[in-house]
Amino acid sequence: QRLPRCVGIGLAKELIFTGRQVDGQ
């Protein structure tokens, strides 16, 4: 719930579906 509110639904789905890690930048 919190990630989509922060970055948007599409990007949140991508990040959760892939389990991708991102750096601070």
PDBML (XML) file of the C-alpha atoms, coordinates in Angstrom:
<?xml version="1.0" encoding="UTF-8" ?>
<PDBx:datablock datablockName="MODEL"
   xmlns:PDBx="http://pdbml.pdb.org/schema/pdbx-v50.xsd"
   xmlns:xsi="http://www.w3.org/2001/XMLSchema-instance"
   xsi:schemaLocation="http://pdbml.pdb.org/schema/pdbx-v50.xsd pdbx-v50.xsd">
   <PDBx:atom_siteCategory>
      <PDBx:atom_site id="1">
         <PDBx:B_iso_or_equiv>0.00</PDBx:B_iso_or_equiv>
         <PDBx:Cartn_x>0.000</PDBx:Cartn_x>
         <PDBx:Cartn_y>0.000</PDBx:Cartn_y>
         <PDBx:Cartn_z>0.000</PDBx:Cartn_z>
         <PDBx:auth_asym_id>A</PDBx:auth_asym_id>
         <PDBx:auth_atom_id>CA</PDBx:auth_atom_id>
         <PDBx:auth_comp_id>GLN</PDBx:auth_comp_id>
         <PDBx:auth_seq_id>1</PDBx:auth_seq_id>
         <PDBx:group_PDB>ATOM</PDBx:group_PDB>
         <PDBx:label_alt_id xsi:nil="true" />
         <PDBx:label_asym_id>A</PDBx:label_asym_id>
         <PDBx:label_atom_id>CA</PDBx:label_atom_id>
         <PDBx:label_comp_id>GLN</PDBx:label_comp_id>
         <PDBx:label_entity_id>1</PDBx:label_entity_id>
         <PDBx:label_seq_id>1</PDBx:label_seq_id>
         <PDBx:occupancy>1.00</PDBx:occupancy>
         <PDBx:pdbx_PDB_model_num>1</PDBx:pdbx_PDB_model_num>
         <PDBx:type_symbol>C</PDBx:type_symbol>
      </PDBx:atom_site>
      <PDBx:atom_site id="2">
         <PDBx:B_iso_or_equiv>0.00</PDBx:B_iso_or_equiv>
         <PDBx:Cartn_x>2.739</PDBx:Cartn_x>
         <PDBx:Cartn_y>2.477</PDBx:Cartn_y>
         <PDBx:Cartn_z>0.949</PDBx:Cartn_z>
         <PDBx:auth_asym_id>A</PDBx:auth_asym_id>
         <PDBx:auth_atom_id>CA</PDBx:auth_atom_id>
         <PDBx:auth_comp_id>ARG</PDBx:auth_comp_id>
         <PDBx:auth_seq_id>2</PDBx:auth_seq_id>
         <PDBx:group_PDB>ATOM</PDBx:group_PDB>
         <PDBx:label_alt_id xsi:nil="true" />
         <PDBx:label_asym_id>A</PDBx:label_asym_id>
         <PDBx:label_atom_id>CA</PDBx:label_atom_id>
         <PDBx:label_comp_id>ARG</PDBx:label_comp_id>
         <PDBx:label_entity_id>1</PDBx:label_entity_id>
         <PDBx:label_seq_id>2</PDBx:label_seq_id>
         <PDBx:occupancy>1.00</PDBx:occupancy>
         <PDBx:pdbx_PDB_model_num>1</PDBx:pdbx_PDB_model_num>
         <PDBx:type_symbol>C</PDBx:type_symbol>
      </PDBx:atom_site>
      <PDBx:atom_site id="3">
         <PDBx:B_iso_or_equiv>0.00</PDBx:B_iso_or_equiv>
         <PDBx:Cartn_x>5.076</PDBx:Cartn_x>
         <PDBx:Cartn_y>1.968</PDBx:Cartn_y>
         <PDBx:Cartn_z>-2.025</PDBx:Cartn_z>
         <PDBx:auth_asym_id>A</PDBx:auth_asym_id>
         <PDBx:auth_atom_id>CA</PDBx:auth_atom_id>
         <PDBx:auth_comp_id>LEU</PDBx:auth_comp_id>
         <PDBx:auth_seq_id>3</PDBx:auth_seq_id>
         <PDBx:group_PDB>ATOM</PDBx:group_PDB>
         <PDBx:label_alt_id xsi:nil="true" />
         <PDBx:label_asym_id>A</PDBx:label_asym_id>
         <PDBx:label_atom_id>CA</PDBx:label_atom_id>
         <PDBx:label_comp_id>LEU</PDBx:label_comp_id>
         <PDBx:label_entity_id>1</PDBx:label_entity_id>
         <PDBx:label_seq_id>3</PDBx:label_seq_id>
         <PDBx:occupancy>1.00</PDBx:occupancy>
         <PDBx:pdbx_PDB_model_num>1</PDBx:pdbx_PDB_model_num>
         <PDBx:type_symbol>C</PDBx:type_symbol>
      </PDBx:atom_site>
      <PDBx:atom_site id="4">
         <PDBx:B_iso_or_equiv>0.00</PDBx:B_iso_or_equiv>
         <PDBx:Cartn_x>2.408</PDBx:Cartn_x>
         <PDBx:Cartn_y>2.808</PDBx:Cartn_y>
         <PDBx:Cartn_z>-4.667</PDBx:Cartn_z>
         <PDBx:auth_asym_id>A</PDBx:auth_asym_id>
         <PDBx:auth_atom_id>CA</PDBx:auth_atom_id>
         <PDBx:auth_comp_id>PRO</PDBx:auth_comp_id>
         <PDBx:auth_seq_id>4</PDBx:auth_seq_id>
         <PDBx:group_PDB>ATOM</PDBx:group_PDB>
         <PDBx:label_alt_id xsi:nil="true" />
         <PDBx:label_asym_id>A</PDBx:label_asym_id>
         <PDBx:label_atom_id>CA</PDBx:label_atom_id>
         <PDBx:label_comp_id>PRO</PDBx:label_comp_id>
         <PDBx:label_entity_id>1</PDBx:label_entity_id>
         <PDBx:label_seq_id>4</PDBx:label_seq_id>
         <PDBx:occupancy>1.00</PDBx:occupancy>
         <PDBx:pdbx_PDB_model_num>1</PDBx:pdbx_PDB_model_num>
         <PDBx:type_symbol>C</PDBx:type_symbol>
      </PDBx:atom_site>
      <PDBx:atom_site id="5">
         <PDBx:B_iso_or_equiv>0.00</PDBx:B_iso_or_equiv>
         <PDBx:Cartn_x>1.489</PDBx:Cartn_x>
         <PDBx:Cartn_y>5.954</PDBx:Cartn_y>
         <PDBx:Cartn_z>-2.742</PDBx:Cartn_z>
         <PDBx:auth_asym_id>A</PDBx:auth_asym_id>
         <PDBx:auth_atom_id>CA</PDBx:auth_atom_id>
         <PDBx:auth_comp_id>ARG</PDBx:auth_comp_id>
         <PDBx:auth_seq_id>5</PDBx:auth_seq_id>
         <PDBx:group_PDB>ATOM</PDBx:group_PDB>
         <PDBx:label_alt_id xsi:nil="true" />
         <PDBx:label_asym_id>A</PDBx:label_asym_id>
         <PDBx:label_atom_id>CA</PDBx:label_atom_id>
         <PDBx:label_comp_id>ARG</PDBx:label_comp_id>
         <PDBx:label_entity_id>1</PDBx:label_entity_id>
         <PDBx:label_seq_id>5</PDBx:label_seq_id>
         <PDBx:occupancy>1.00</PDBx:occupancy>
         <PDBx:pdbx_PDB_model_num>1</PDBx:pdbx_PDB_model_num>
         <PDBx:type_symbol>C</PDBx:type_symbol>
      </PDBx:atom_site>
      <PDBx:atom_site id="6">
         <PDBx:B_iso_or_equiv>0.00</PDBx:B_iso_or_equiv>
         <PDBx:Cartn_x>5.137</PDBx:Cartn_x>
         <PDBx:Cartn_y>6.930</PDBx:Cartn_y>
         <PDBx:Cartn_z>-2.817</PDBx:Cartn_z>
         <PDBx:auth_asym_id>A</PDBx:auth_asym_id>
         <PDBx:auth_atom_id>CA</PDBx:auth_atom_id>
         <PDBx:auth_comp_id>CYS</PDBx:auth_comp_id>
         <PDBx:auth_seq_id>6</PDBx:auth_seq_id>
         <PDBx:group_PDB>ATOM</PDBx:group_PDB>
         <PDBx:label_alt_id xsi:nil="true" />
         <PDBx:label_asym_id>A</PDBx:label_asym_id>
         <PDBx:label_atom_id>CA</PDBx:label_atom_id>
         <PDBx:label_comp_id>CYS</PDBx:label_comp_id>
         <PDBx:label_entity_id>1</PDBx:label_entity_id>
         <PDBx:label_seq_id>6</PDBx:label_seq_id>
         <PDBx:occupancy>1.00</PDBx:occupancy>
         <PDBx:pdbx_PDB_model_num>1</PDBx:pdbx_PDB_model_num>
         <PDBx:type_symbol>C</PDBx:type_symbol>
      </PDBx:atom_site>
      <PDBx:atom_site id="7">
         <PDBx:B_iso_or_equiv>0.00</PDBx:B_iso_or_equiv>
         <PDBx:Cartn_x>6.240</PDBx:Cartn_x>
         <PDBx:Cartn_y>6.088</PDBx:Cartn_y>
         <PDBx:Cartn_z>-6.376</PDBx:Cartn_z>
         <PDBx:auth_asym_id>A</PDBx:auth_asym_id>
         <PDBx:auth_atom_id>CA</PDBx:auth_atom_id>
         <PDBx:auth_comp_id>VAL</PDBx:auth_comp_id>
         <PDBx:auth_seq_id>7</PDBx:auth_seq_id>
         <PDBx:group_PDB>ATOM</PDBx:group_PDB>
         <PDBx:label_alt_id xsi:nil="true" />
         <PDBx:label_asym_id>A</PDBx:label_asym_id>
         <PDBx:label_atom_id>CA</PDBx:label_atom_id>
         <PDBx:label_comp_id>VAL</PDBx:label_comp_id>
         <PDBx:label_entity_id>1</PDBx:label_entity_id>
         <PDBx:label_seq_id>7</PDBx:label_seq_id>
         <PDBx:occupancy>1.00</PDBx:occupancy>
         <PDBx:pdbx_PDB_model_num>1</PDBx:pdbx_PDB_model_num>
         <PDBx:type_symbol>C</PDBx:type_symbol>
      </PDBx:atom_site>
      <PDBx:atom_site id="8">
         <PDBx:B_iso_or_equiv>0.00</PDBx:B_iso_or_equiv>
         <PDBx:Cartn_x>3.016</PDBx:Cartn_x>
         <PDBx:Cartn_y>5.386</PDBx:Cartn_y>
         <PDBx:Cartn_z>-8.255</PDBx:Cartn_z>
         <PDBx:auth_asym_id>A</PDBx:auth_asym_id>
         <PDBx:auth_atom_id>CA</PDBx:auth_atom_id>
         <PDBx:auth_comp_id>GLY</PDBx:auth_comp_id>
         <PDBx:auth_seq_id>8</PDBx:auth_seq_id>
         <PDBx:group_PDB>ATOM</PDBx:group_PDB>
         <PDBx:label_alt_id xsi:nil="true" />
         <PDBx:label_asym_id>A</PDBx:label_asym_id>
         <PDBx:label_atom_id>CA</PDBx:label_atom_id>
         <PDBx:label_comp_id>GLY</PDBx:label_comp_id>
         <PDBx:label_entity_id>1</PDBx:label_entity_id>
         <PDBx:label_seq_id>8</PDBx:label_seq_id>
         <PDBx:occupancy>1.00</PDBx:occupancy>
         <PDBx:pdbx_PDB_model_num>1</PDBx:pdbx_PDB_model_num>
         <PDBx:type_symbol>C</PDBx:type_symbol>
      </PDBx:atom_site>
      <PDBx:atom_site id="9">
         <PDBx:B_iso_or_equiv>0.00</PDBx:B_iso_or_equiv>
         <PDBx:Cartn_x>1.163</PDBx:Cartn_x>
         <PDBx:Cartn_y>2.167</PDBx:Cartn_y>
         <PDBx:Cartn_z>-9.018</PDBx:Cartn_z>
         <PDBx:auth_asym_id>A</PDBx:auth_asym_id>
         <PDBx:auth_atom_id>CA</PDBx:auth_atom_id>
         <PDBx:auth_comp_id>ILE</PDBx:auth_comp_id>
         <PDBx:auth_seq_id>9</PDBx:auth_seq_id>
         <PDBx:group_PDB>ATOM</PDBx:group_PDB>
         <PDBx:label_alt_id xsi:nil="true" />
         <PDBx:label_asym_id>A</PDBx:label_asym_id>
         <PDBx:label_atom_id>CA</PDBx:label_atom_id>
         <PDBx:label_comp_id>ILE</PDBx:label_comp_id>
         <PDBx:label_entity_id>1</PDBx:label_entity_id>
         <PDBx:label_seq_id>9</PDBx:label_seq_id>
         <PDBx:occupancy>1.00</PDBx:occupancy>
         <PDBx:pdbx_PDB_model_num>1</PDBx:pdbx_PDB_model_num>
         <PDBx:type_symbol>C</PDBx:type_symbol>
      </PDBx:atom_site>
      <PDBx:atom_site id="10">
         <PDBx:B_iso_or_equiv>0.00</PDBx:B_iso_or_equiv>
         <PDBx:Cartn_x>3.036</PDBx:Cartn_x>
         <PDBx:Cartn_y>1.084</PDBx:Cartn_y>
         <PDBx:Cartn_z>-12.156</PDBx:Cartn_z>
         <PDBx:auth_asym_id>A</PDBx:auth_asym_id>
         <PDBx:auth_atom_id>CA</PDBx:auth_atom_id>
         <PDBx:auth_comp_id>GLY</PDBx:auth_comp_id>
         <PDBx:auth_seq_id>10</PDBx:auth_seq_id>
         <PDBx:group_PDB>ATOM</PDBx:group_PDB>
         <PDBx:label_alt_id xsi:nil="true" />
         <PDBx:label_asym_id>A</PDBx:label_asym_id>
         <PDBx:label_atom_id>CA</PDBx:label_atom_id>
         <PDBx:label_comp_id>GLY</PDBx:label_comp_id>
         <PDBx:label_entity_id>1</PDBx:label_entity_id>
         <PDBx:label_seq_id>10</PDBx:label_seq_id>
         <PDBx:occupancy>1.00</PDBx:occupancy>
         <PDBx:pdbx_PDB_model_num>1</PDBx:pdbx_PDB_model_num>
         <PDBx:type_symbol>C</PDBx:type_symbol>
      </PDBx:atom_site>
      <PDBx:atom_site id="11">
         <PDBx:B_iso_or_equiv>0.00</PDBx:B_iso_or_equiv>
         <PDBx:Cartn_x>6.511</PDBx:Cartn_x>
         <PDBx:Cartn_y>1.534</PDBx:Cartn_y>
         <PDBx:Cartn_z>-10.718</PDBx:Cartn_z>
         <PDBx:auth_asym_id>A</PDBx:auth_asym_id>
         <PDBx:auth_atom_id>CA</PDBx:auth_atom_id>
         <PDBx:auth_comp_id>LEU</PDBx:auth_comp_id>
         <PDBx:auth_seq_id>11</PDBx:auth_seq_id>
         <PDBx:group_PDB>ATOM</PDBx:group_PDB>
         <PDBx:label_alt_id xsi:nil="true" />
         <PDBx:label_asym_id>A</PDBx:label_asym_id>
         <PDBx:label_atom_id>CA</PDBx:label_atom_id>
         <PDBx:label_comp_id>LEU</PDBx:label_comp_id>
         <PDBx:label_entity_id>1</PDBx:label_entity_id>
         <PDBx:label_seq_id>11</PDBx:label_seq_id>
         <PDBx:occupancy>1.00</PDBx:occupancy>
         <PDBx:pdbx_PDB_model_num>1</PDBx:pdbx_PDB_model_num>
         <PDBx:type_symbol>C</PDBx:type_symbol>
      </PDBx:atom_site>
      <PDBx:atom_site id="12">
         <PDBx:B_iso_or_equiv>0.00</PDBx:B_iso_or_equiv>
         <PDBx:Cartn_x>5.490</PDBx:Cartn_x>
         <PDBx:Cartn_y>-0.057</PDBx:Cartn_y>
         <PDBx:Cartn_z>-7.417</PDBx:Cartn_z>
         <PDBx:auth_asym_id>A</PDBx:auth_asym_id>
         <PDBx:auth_atom_id>CA</PDBx:auth_atom_id>
         <PDBx:auth_comp_id>ALA</PDBx:auth_comp_id>
         <PDBx:auth_seq_id>12</PDBx:auth_seq_id>
         <PDBx:group_PDB>ATOM</PDBx:group_PDB>
         <PDBx:label_alt_id xsi:nil="true" />
         <PDBx:label_asym_id>A</PDBx:label_asym_id>
         <PDBx:label_atom_id>CA</PDBx:label_atom_id>
         <PDBx:label_comp_id>ALA</PDBx:label_comp_id>
         <PDBx:label_entity_id>1</PDBx:label_entity_id>
         <PDBx:label_seq_id>12</PDBx:label_seq_id>
         <PDBx:occupancy>1.00</PDBx:occupancy>
         <PDBx:pdbx_PDB_model_num>1</PDBx:pdbx_PDB_model_num>
         <PDBx:type_symbol>C</PDBx:type_symbol>
      </PDBx:atom_site>
      <PDBx:atom_site id="13">
         <PDBx:B_iso_or_equiv>0.00</PDBx:B_iso_or_equiv>
         <PDBx:Cartn_x>4.181</PDBx:Cartn_x>
         <PDBx:Cartn_y>-3.110</PDBx:Cartn_y>
         <PDBx:Cartn_z>-9.261</PDBx:Cartn_z>
         <PDBx:auth_asym_id>A</PDBx:auth_asym_id>
         <PDBx:auth_atom_id>CA</PDBx:auth_atom_id>
         <PDBx:auth_comp_id>LYS</PDBx:auth_comp_id>
         <PDBx:auth_seq_id>13</PDBx:auth_seq_id>
         <PDBx:group_PDB>ATOM</PDBx:group_PDB>
         <PDBx:label_alt_id xsi:nil="true" />
         <PDBx:label_asym_id>A</PDBx:label_asym_id>
         <PDBx:label_atom_id>CA</PDBx:label_atom_id>
         <PDBx:label_comp_id>LYS</PDBx:label_comp_id>
         <PDBx:label_entity_id>1</PDBx:label_entity_id>
         <PDBx:label_seq_id>13</PDBx:label_seq_id>
         <PDBx:occupancy>1.00</PDBx:occupancy>
         <PDBx:pdbx_PDB_model_num>1</PDBx:pdbx_PDB_model_num>
         <PDBx:type_symbol>C</PDBx:type_symbol>
      </PDBx:atom_site>
      <PDBx:atom_site id="14">
         <PDBx:B_iso_or_equiv>0.00</PDBx:B_iso_or_equiv>
         <PDBx:Cartn_x>7.389</PDBx:Cartn_x>
         <PDBx:Cartn_y>-3.351</PDBx:Cartn_y>
         <PDBx:Cartn_z>-11.260</PDBx:Cartn_z>
         <PDBx:auth_asym_id>A</PDBx:auth_asym_id>
         <PDBx:auth_atom_id>CA</PDBx:auth_atom_id>
         <PDBx:auth_comp_id>GLU</PDBx:auth_comp_id>
         <PDBx:auth_seq_id>14</PDBx:auth_seq_id>
         <PDBx:group_PDB>ATOM</PDBx:group_PDB>
         <PDBx:label_alt_id xsi:nil="true" />
         <PDBx:label_asym_id>A</PDBx:label_asym_id>
         <PDBx:label_atom_id>CA</PDBx:label_atom_id>
         <PDBx:label_comp_id>GLU</PDBx:label_comp_id>
         <PDBx:label_entity_id>1</PDBx:label_entity_id>
         <PDBx:label_seq_id>14</PDBx:label_seq_id>
         <PDBx:occupancy>1.00</PDBx:occupancy>
         <PDBx:pdbx_PDB_model_num>1</PDBx:pdbx_PDB_model_num>
         <PDBx:type_symbol>C</PDBx:type_symbol>
      </PDBx:atom_site>
      <PDBx:atom_site id="15">
         <PDBx:B_iso_or_equiv>0.00</PDBx:B_iso_or_equiv>
         <PDBx:Cartn_x>9.572</PDBx:Cartn_x>
         <PDBx:Cartn_y>-3.122</PDBx:Cartn_y>
         <PDBx:Cartn_z>-8.153</PDBx:Cartn_z>
         <PDBx:auth_asym_id>A</PDBx:auth_asym_id>
         <PDBx:auth_atom_id>CA</PDBx:auth_atom_id>
         <PDBx:auth_comp_id>LEU</PDBx:auth_comp_id>
         <PDBx:auth_seq_id>15</PDBx:auth_seq_id>
         <PDBx:group_PDB>ATOM</PDBx:group_PDB>
         <PDBx:label_alt_id xsi:nil="true" />
         <PDBx:label_asym_id>A</PDBx:label_asym_id>
         <PDBx:label_atom_id>CA</PDBx:label_atom_id>
         <PDBx:label_comp_id>LEU</PDBx:label_comp_id>
         <PDBx:label_entity_id>1</PDBx:label_entity_id>
         <PDBx:label_seq_id>15</PDBx:label_seq_id>
         <PDBx:occupancy>1.00</PDBx:occupancy>
         <PDBx:pdbx_PDB_model_num>1</PDBx:pdbx_PDB_model_num>
         <PDBx:type_symbol>C</PDBx:type_symbol>
      </PDBx:atom_site>
      <PDBx:atom_site id="16">
         <PDBx:B_iso_or_equiv>0.00</PDBx:B_iso_or_equiv>
         <PDBx:Cartn_x>7.506</PDBx:Cartn_x>
         <PDBx:Cartn_y>-5.650</PDBx:Cartn_y>
         <PDBx:Cartn_z>-6.202</PDBx:Cartn_z>
         <PDBx:auth_asym_id>A</PDBx:auth_asym_id>
         <PDBx:auth_atom_id>CA</PDBx:auth_atom_id>
         <PDBx:auth_comp_id>ILE</PDBx:auth_comp_id>
         <PDBx:auth_seq_id>16</PDBx:auth_seq_id>
         <PDBx:group_PDB>ATOM</PDBx:group_PDB>
         <PDBx:label_alt_id xsi:nil="true" />
         <PDBx:label_asym_id>A</PDBx:label_asym_id>
         <PDBx:label_atom_id>CA</PDBx:label_atom_id>
         <PDBx:label_comp_id>ILE</PDBx:label_comp_id>
         <PDBx:label_entity_id>1</PDBx:label_entity_id>
         <PDBx:label_seq_id>16</PDBx:label_seq_id>
         <PDBx:occupancy>1.00</PDBx:occupancy>
         <PDBx:pdbx_PDB_model_num>1</PDBx:pdbx_PDB_model_num>
         <PDBx:type_symbol>C</PDBx:type_symbol>
      </PDBx:atom_site>
      <PDBx:atom_site id="17">
         <PDBx:B_iso_or_equiv>0.00</PDBx:B_iso_or_equiv>
         <PDBx:Cartn_x>7.007</PDBx:Cartn_x>
         <PDBx:Cartn_y>-8.086</PDBx:Cartn_y>
         <PDBx:Cartn_z>-9.111</PDBx:Cartn_z>
         <PDBx:auth_asym_id>A</PDBx:auth_asym_id>
         <PDBx:auth_atom_id>CA</PDBx:auth_atom_id>
         <PDBx:auth_comp_id>PHE</PDBx:auth_comp_id>
         <PDBx:auth_seq_id>17</PDBx:auth_seq_id>
         <PDBx:group_PDB>ATOM</PDBx:group_PDB>
         <PDBx:label_alt_id xsi:nil="true" />
         <PDBx:label_asym_id>A</PDBx:label_asym_id>
         <PDBx:label_atom_id>CA</PDBx:label_atom_id>
         <PDBx:label_comp_id>PHE</PDBx:label_comp_id>
         <PDBx:label_entity_id>1</PDBx:label_entity_id>
         <PDBx:label_seq_id>17</PDBx:label_seq_id>
         <PDBx:occupancy>1.00</PDBx:occupancy>
         <PDBx:pdbx_PDB_model_num>1</PDBx:pdbx_PDB_model_num>
         <PDBx:type_symbol>C</PDBx:type_symbol>
      </PDBx:atom_site>
      <PDBx:atom_site id="18">
         <PDBx:B_iso_or_equiv>0.00</PDBx:B_iso_or_equiv>
         <PDBx:Cartn_x>10.736</PDBx:Cartn_x>
         <PDBx:Cartn_y>-8.126</PDBx:Cartn_y>
         <PDBx:Cartn_z>-9.946</PDBx:Cartn_z>
         <PDBx:auth_asym_id>A</PDBx:auth_asym_id>
         <PDBx:auth_atom_id>CA</PDBx:auth_atom_id>
         <PDBx:auth_comp_id>THR</PDBx:auth_comp_id>
         <PDBx:auth_seq_id>18</PDBx:auth_seq_id>
         <PDBx:group_PDB>ATOM</PDBx:group_PDB>
         <PDBx:label_alt_id xsi:nil="true" />
         <PDBx:label_asym_id>A</PDBx:label_asym_id>
         <PDBx:label_atom_id>CA</PDBx:label_atom_id>
         <PDBx:label_comp_id>THR</PDBx:label_comp_id>
         <PDBx:label_entity_id>1</PDBx:label_entity_id>
         <PDBx:label_seq_id>18</PDBx:label_seq_id>
         <PDBx:occupancy>1.00</PDBx:occupancy>
         <PDBx:pdbx_PDB_model_num>1</PDBx:pdbx_PDB_model_num>
         <PDBx:type_symbol>C</PDBx:type_symbol>
      </PDBx:atom_site>
      <PDBx:atom_site id="19">
         <PDBx:B_iso_or_equiv>0.00</PDBx:B_iso_or_equiv>
         <PDBx:Cartn_x>12.094</PDBx:Cartn_x>
         <PDBx:Cartn_y>-7.833</PDBx:Cartn_y>
         <PDBx:Cartn_z>-6.394</PDBx:Cartn_z>
         <PDBx:auth_asym_id>A</PDBx:auth_asym_id>
         <PDBx:auth_atom_id>CA</PDBx:auth_atom_id>
         <PDBx:auth_comp_id>GLY</PDBx:auth_comp_id>
         <PDBx:auth_seq_id>19</PDBx:auth_seq_id>
         <PDBx:group_PDB>ATOM</PDBx:group_PDB>
         <PDBx:label_alt_id xsi:nil="true" />
         <PDBx:label_asym_id>A</PDBx:label_asym_id>
         <PDBx:label_atom_id>CA</PDBx:label_atom_id>
         <PDBx:label_comp_id>GLY</PDBx:label_comp_id>
         <PDBx:label_entity_id>1</PDBx:label_entity_id>
         <PDBx:label_seq_id>19</PDBx:label_seq_id>
         <PDBx:occupancy>1.00</PDBx:occupancy>
         <PDBx:pdbx_PDB_model_num>1</PDBx:pdbx_PDB_model_num>
         <PDBx:type_symbol>C</PDBx:type_symbol>
      </PDBx:atom_site>
      <PDBx:atom_site id="20">
         <PDBx:B_iso_or_equiv>0.00</PDBx:B_iso_or_equiv>
         <PDBx:Cartn_x>14.547</PDBx:Cartn_x>
         <PDBx:Cartn_y>-5.296</PDBx:Cartn_y>
         <PDBx:Cartn_z>-7.835</PDBx:Cartn_z>
         <PDBx:auth_asym_id>A</PDBx:auth_asym_id>
         <PDBx:auth_atom_id>CA</PDBx:auth_atom_id>
         <PDBx:auth_comp_id>ARG</PDBx:auth_comp_id>
         <PDBx:auth_seq_id>20</PDBx:auth_seq_id>
         <PDBx:group_PDB>ATOM</PDBx:group_PDB>
         <PDBx:label_alt_id xsi:nil="true" />
         <PDBx:label_asym_id>A</PDBx:label_asym_id>
         <PDBx:label_atom_id>CA</PDBx:label_atom_id>
         <PDBx:label_comp_id>ARG</PDBx:label_comp_id>
         <PDBx:label_entity_id>1</PDBx:label_entity_id>
         <PDBx:label_seq_id>20</PDBx:label_seq_id>
         <PDBx:occupancy>1.00</PDBx:occupancy>
         <PDBx:pdbx_PDB_model_num>1</PDBx:pdbx_PDB_model_num>
         <PDBx:type_symbol>C</PDBx:type_symbol>
      </PDBx:atom_site>
      <PDBx:atom_site id="21">
         <PDBx:B_iso_or_equiv>0.00</PDBx:B_iso_or_equiv>
         <PDBx:Cartn_x>16.910</PDBx:Cartn_x>
         <PDBx:Cartn_y>-3.416</PDBx:Cartn_y>
         <PDBx:Cartn_z>-5.562</PDBx:Cartn_z>
         <PDBx:auth_asym_id>A</PDBx:auth_asym_id>
         <PDBx:auth_atom_id>CA</PDBx:auth_atom_id>
         <PDBx:auth_comp_id>GLN</PDBx:auth_comp_id>
         <PDBx:auth_seq_id>21</PDBx:auth_seq_id>
         <PDBx:group_PDB>ATOM</PDBx:group_PDB>
         <PDBx:label_alt_id xsi:nil="true" />
         <PDBx:label_asym_id>A</PDBx:label_asym_id>
         <PDBx:label_atom_id>CA</PDBx:label_atom_id>
         <PDBx:label_comp_id>GLN</PDBx:label_comp_id>
         <PDBx:label_entity_id>1</PDBx:label_entity_id>
         <PDBx:label_seq_id>21</PDBx:label_seq_id>
         <PDBx:occupancy>1.00</PDBx:occupancy>
         <PDBx:pdbx_PDB_model_num>1</PDBx:pdbx_PDB_model_num>
         <PDBx:type_symbol>C</PDBx:type_symbol>
      </PDBx:atom_site>
      <PDBx:atom_site id="22">
         <PDBx:B_iso_or_equiv>0.00</PDBx:B_iso_or_equiv>
         <PDBx:Cartn_x>17.672</PDBx:Cartn_x>
         <PDBx:Cartn_y>0.248</PDBx:Cartn_y>
         <PDBx:Cartn_z>-6.209</PDBx:Cartn_z>
         <PDBx:auth_asym_id>A</PDBx:auth_asym_id>
         <PDBx:auth_atom_id>CA</PDBx:auth_atom_id>
         <PDBx:auth_comp_id>VAL</PDBx:auth_comp_id>
         <PDBx:auth_seq_id>22</PDBx:auth_seq_id>
         <PDBx:group_PDB>ATOM</PDBx:group_PDB>
         <PDBx:label_alt_id xsi:nil="true" />
         <PDBx:label_asym_id>A</PDBx:label_asym_id>
         <PDBx:label_atom_id>CA</PDBx:label_atom_id>
         <PDBx:label_comp_id>VAL</PDBx:label_comp_id>
         <PDBx:label_entity_id>1</PDBx:label_entity_id>
         <PDBx:label_seq_id>22</PDBx:label_seq_id>
         <PDBx:occupancy>1.00</PDBx:occupancy>
         <PDBx:pdbx_PDB_model_num>1</PDBx:pdbx_PDB_model_num>
         <PDBx:type_symbol>C</PDBx:type_symbol>
      </PDBx:atom_site>
      <PDBx:atom_site id="23">
         <PDBx:B_iso_or_equiv>0.00</PDBx:B_iso_or_equiv>
         <PDBx:Cartn_x>20.416</PDBx:Cartn_x>
         <PDBx:Cartn_y>2.462</PDBx:Cartn_y>
         <PDBx:Cartn_z>-4.848</PDBx:Cartn_z>
         <PDBx:auth_asym_id>A</PDBx:auth_asym_id>
         <PDBx:auth_atom_id>CA</PDBx:auth_atom_id>
         <PDBx:auth_comp_id>ASP</PDBx:auth_comp_id>
         <PDBx:auth_seq_id>23</PDBx:auth_seq_id>
         <PDBx:group_PDB>ATOM</PDBx:group_PDB>
         <PDBx:label_alt_id xsi:nil="true" />
         <PDBx:label_asym_id>A</PDBx:label_asym_id>
         <PDBx:label_atom_id>CA</PDBx:label_atom_id>
         <PDBx:label_comp_id>ASP</PDBx:label_comp_id>
         <PDBx:label_entity_id>1</PDBx:label_entity_id>
         <PDBx:label_seq_id>23</PDBx:label_seq_id>
         <PDBx:occupancy>1.00</PDBx:occupancy>
         <PDBx:pdbx_PDB_model_num>1</PDBx:pdbx_PDB_model_num>
         <PDBx:type_symbol>C</PDBx:type_symbol>
      </PDBx:atom_site>
      <PDBx:atom_site id="24">
         <PDBx:B_iso_or_equiv>0.00</PDBx:B_iso_or_equiv>
         <PDBx:Cartn_x>19.850</PDBx:Cartn_x>
         <PDBx:Cartn_y>5.747</PDBx:Cartn_y>
         <PDBx:Cartn_z>-3.056</PDBx:Cartn_z>
         <PDBx:auth_asym_id>A</PDBx:auth_asym_id>
         <PDBx:auth_atom_id>CA</PDBx:auth_atom_id>
         <PDBx:auth_comp_id>GLY</PDBx:auth_comp_id>
         <PDBx:auth_seq_id>24</PDBx:auth_seq_id>
         <PDBx:group_PDB>ATOM</PDBx:group_PDB>
         <PDBx:label_alt_id xsi:nil="true" />
         <PDBx:label_asym_id>A</PDBx:label_asym_id>
         <PDBx:label_atom_id>CA</PDBx:label_atom_id>
         <PDBx:label_comp_id>GLY</PDBx:label_comp_id>
         <PDBx:label_entity_id>1</PDBx:label_entity_id>
         <PDBx:label_seq_id>24</PDBx:label_seq_id>
         <PDBx:occupancy>1.00</PDBx:occupancy>
         <PDBx:pdbx_PDB_model_num>1</PDBx:pdbx_PDB_model_num>
         <PDBx:type_symbol>C</PDBx:type_symbol>
      </PDBx:atom_site>
      <PDBx:atom_site id="25">
         <PDBx:B_iso_or_equiv>0.00</PDBx:B_iso_or_equiv>
         <PDBx:Cartn_x>20.229</PDBx:Cartn_x>
         <PDBx:Cartn_y>7.870</PDBx:Cartn_y>
         <PDBx:Cartn_z>-6.164</PDBx:Cartn_z>
         <PDBx:auth_asym_id>A</PDBx:auth_asym_id>
         <PDBx:auth_atom_id>CA</PDBx:auth_atom_id>
         <PDBx:auth_comp_id>GLN</PDBx:auth_comp_id>
         <PDBx:auth_seq_id>25</PDBx:auth_seq_id>
         <PDBx:group_PDB>ATOM</PDBx:group_PDB>
         <PDBx:label_alt_id xsi:nil="true" />
         <PDBx:label_asym_id>A</PDBx:label_asym_id>
         <PDBx:label_atom_id>CA</PDBx:label_atom_id>
         <PDBx:label_comp_id>GLN</PDBx:label_comp_id>
         <PDBx:label_entity_id>1</PDBx:label_entity_id>
         <PDBx:label_seq_id>25</PDBx:label_seq_id>
         <PDBx:occupancy>1.00</PDBx:occupancy>
         <PDBx:pdbx_PDB_model_num>1</PDBx:pdbx_PDB_model_num>
         <PDBx:type_symbol>C</PDBx:type_symbol>
      </PDBx:atom_site>
   </PDBx:atom_siteCategory>
</PDBx:datablock>
